[in-house]
C-alpha atoms as a PDB file:
ATOM      1  CA  UNK A   1      15.106   1.289  -7.499  1.00  0.00           C
ATOM      2  CA  UNK A   2      12.432  -0.179  -9.895  1.00  0.00           C
ATOM      3  CA  UNK A   3       8.953  -0.030  -8.514  1.00  0.00           C
ATOM      4  CA  UNK A   4       5.960  -2.121  -9.247  1.00  0.00           C
ATOM      5  CA  UNK A   5       2.262  -1.046  -9.292  1.00  0.00           C
ATOM      6  CA  UNK A   6      -0.125  -4.018  -8.141  1.00  0.00           C
ATOM      7  CA  UNK A   7      -3.085  -4.259  -5.849  1.00  0.00           C
ATOM      8  CA  UNK A   8      -3.751  -0.495  -5.996  1.00  0.00           C
ATOM      9  CA  UNK A   9      -0.264   0.102  -4.142  1.00  0.00           C
ATOM     10  CA  UNK A  10       3.425   0.617  -5.096  1.00  0.00           C
ATOM     11  CA  UNK A  11       5.727  -1.777  -4.075  1.00  0.00           C
ATOM     12  CA  UNK A  12       9.839  -1.930  -4.514  1.00  0.00           C
ATOM     13  CA  UNK A  13      10.059  -5.265  -6.959  1.00  0.00           C
ATOM     14  CA  UNK A  14      12.132  -6.868  -3.985  1.00  0.00           C
ATOM     15  CA  UNK A  15       9.576  -6.176  -1.501  1.00  0.00           C
ATOM     16  CA  UNK A  16       6.764  -7.684  -3.585  1.00  0.00           C
ATOM     17  CA  UNK A  17       6.448 -11.057  -1.699  1.00  0.00           C
ATOM     18  CA  UNK A  18       3.912 -13.621  -0.274  1.00  0.00           C
ATOM     19  CA  UNK A  19       2.222 -12.787   2.693  1.00  0.00           C
ATOM     20  CA  UNK A  20       2.271 -16.880   3.710  1.00  0.00           C
ATOM     21  CA  UNK A  21       5.955 -17.896   2.479  1.00  0.00           C
ATOM     22  CA  UNK A  22       7.620 -14.756   1.829  1.00  0.00           C
ATOM     23  CA  UNK A  23       8.675 -15.636  -1.634  1.00  0.00           C
ATOM     24  CA  UNK A  24       9.136 -13.142  -4.399  1.00  0.00           C
ATOM     25  CA  UNK A  25       6.516 -12.286  -6.875  1.00  0.00           C
ATOM     26  CA  UNK A  26       5.657 -10.813 -10.146  1.00  0.00           C
ATOM     27  CA  UNK A  27       2.632  -9.387 -11.699  1.00  0.00           C
ATOM     28  CA  UNK A  28       1.815 -12.744 -13.202  1.00  0.00           C
ATOM     29  CA  UNK A  29       2.503 -14.973 -10.095  1.00  0.00           C
ATOM     30  CA  UNK A  30       0.236 -13.181  -7.390  1.00  0.00           C
ATOM     31  CA  UNK A  31      -3.341 -13.098  -6.158  1.00  0.00           C
ATOM     32  CA  UNK A  32      -4.765 -10.945  -3.385  1.00  0.00           C
ATOM     33  CA  UNK A  33      -7.610 -10.777  -0.886  1.00  0.00           C
ATOM     34  CA  UNK A  34      -8.368  -7.959   1.728  1.00  0.00           C
ATOM     35  CA  UNK A  35      -4.953  -6.202   1.067  1.00  0.00           C
ATOM     36  CA  UNK A  36      -2.855  -9.339   1.467  1.00  0.00           C
ATOM     37  CA  UNK A  37      -0.704 -10.534  -1.473  1.00  0.00           C
ATOM     38  CA  UNK A  38      -0.116 -14.270  -2.021  1.00  0.00           C
ATOM     39  CA  UNK A  39       1.915 -16.377  -4.449  1.00  0.00           C
ATOM     40  CA  UNK A  40      -0.760 -18.366  -6.521  1.00  0.00           C
ATOM     41  CA  UNK A  41       0.191 -21.692  -4.733  1.00  0.00           C
ATOM     42  CA  UNK A  42      -0.513 -20.515  -1.474  1.00  0.00           C
ATOM     43  CA  UNK A  43      -3.531 -18.571  -2.187  1.00  0.00           C
ATOM     44  CA  UNK A  44      -4.915 -21.789  -3.473  1.00  0.00           C
ATOM     45  CA  UNK A  45      -3.907 -23.764  -0.799  1.00  0.00           C
ATOM     46  CA  UNK A  46      -5.358 -21.465   1.812  1.00  0.00           C
ATOM     47  CA  UNK A  47      -8.683 -21.397  -0.159  1.00  0.00           C
ATOM     48  CA  UNK A  48      -8.706 -25.059  -0.182  1.00  0.00           C
ATOM     49  CA  UNK A  49      -7.832 -25.506   3.584  1.00  0.00           C
ATOM     50  CA  UNK A  50     -11.464 -24.661   4.321  1.00  0.00           C
ATOM     51  CA  UNK A  51     -13.226 -24.250   0.955  1.00  0.00           C
ATOM     52  CA  UNK A  52     -13.823 -20.386   1.339  1.00  0.00           C
ATOM     53  CA  UNK A  53     -11.913 -17.246   1.419  1.00  0.00           C
ATOM     54  CA  UNK A  54     -12.695 -16.393   5.143  1.00  0.00           C
ATOM     55  CA  UNK A  55     -11.526 -19.107   7.398  1.00  0.00           C
ATOM     56  CA  UNK A  56      -8.673 -20.465   5.036  1.00  0.00           C
ATOM     57  CA  UNK A  57      -7.260 -16.873   5.317  1.00  0.00           C
ATOM     58  CA  UNK A  58      -7.635 -16.340   9.053  1.00  0.00           C
ATOM     59  CA  UNK A  59     -11.027 -14.551   9.112  1.00  0.00           C
ATOM     60  CA  UNK A  60     -14.634 -15.161  10.569  1.00  0.00           C
ATOM     61  CA  UNK A  61     -16.706 -17.166   8.372  1.00  0.00           C
ATOM     62  CA  UNK A  62     -19.676 -14.736   7.192  1.00  0.00           C
ATOM     63  CA  UNK A  63     -22.037 -17.100   8.617  1.00  0.00           C
ATOM     64  CA  UNK A  64     -21.015 -16.224  12.029  1.00  0.00           C
ATOM     65  CA  UNK A  65     -20.969 -12.364  11.457  1.00  0.00           C
ATOM     66  CA  UNK A  66     -24.522 -12.821  10.023  1.00  0.00           C
ATOM     67  CA  UNK A  67     -25.722 -14.887  13.198  1.00  0.00           C
ATOM     68  CA  UNK A  68     -24.295 -12.089  15.691  1.00  0.00           C
ATOM     69  CA  UNK A  69     -25.877  -9.461  13.603  1.00  0.00           C
ATOM     70  CA  UNK A  70     -29.251 -11.355  13.518  1.00  0.00           C
ATOM     71  CA  UNK A  71     -29.127 -11.952  17.331  1.00  0.00           C
ATOM     72  CA  UNK A  72     -28.211  -8.359  18.189  1.00  0.00           C
ATOM     73  CA  UNK A  73     -31.316  -7.204  16.174  1.00  0.00           C
ATOM     74  CA  UNK A  74     -33.293  -9.612  17.873  1.00  0.00           C
ATOM     75  CA  UNK A  75     -32.475  -8.269  21.278  1.00  0.00           C
ATOM     76  CA  UNK A  76     -32.652  -4.820  20.640  1.00  0.00           C
ATOM     77  CA  UNK A  77     -36.207  -4.952  19.373  1.00  0.00           C
ATOM     78  CA  UNK A  78     -37.429  -6.573  22.695  1.00  0.00           C
END
């Protein structure tokens, strides 16, 4: 079996697929974020859906994480 080293992982060539659409990828046709592999069209589409790398890819926006951290610090200091 042939293997492929990408995103600091080893893949079978036939298993190197987009997390969103499951299409086969190559070293020249993929992008990655937080350990997930995407075809470049879906990577761009998911980014453009919300205009950032959090919400478009199903993660909480950093702004929400900052707010909750600040609130926790405020309540613990009283």
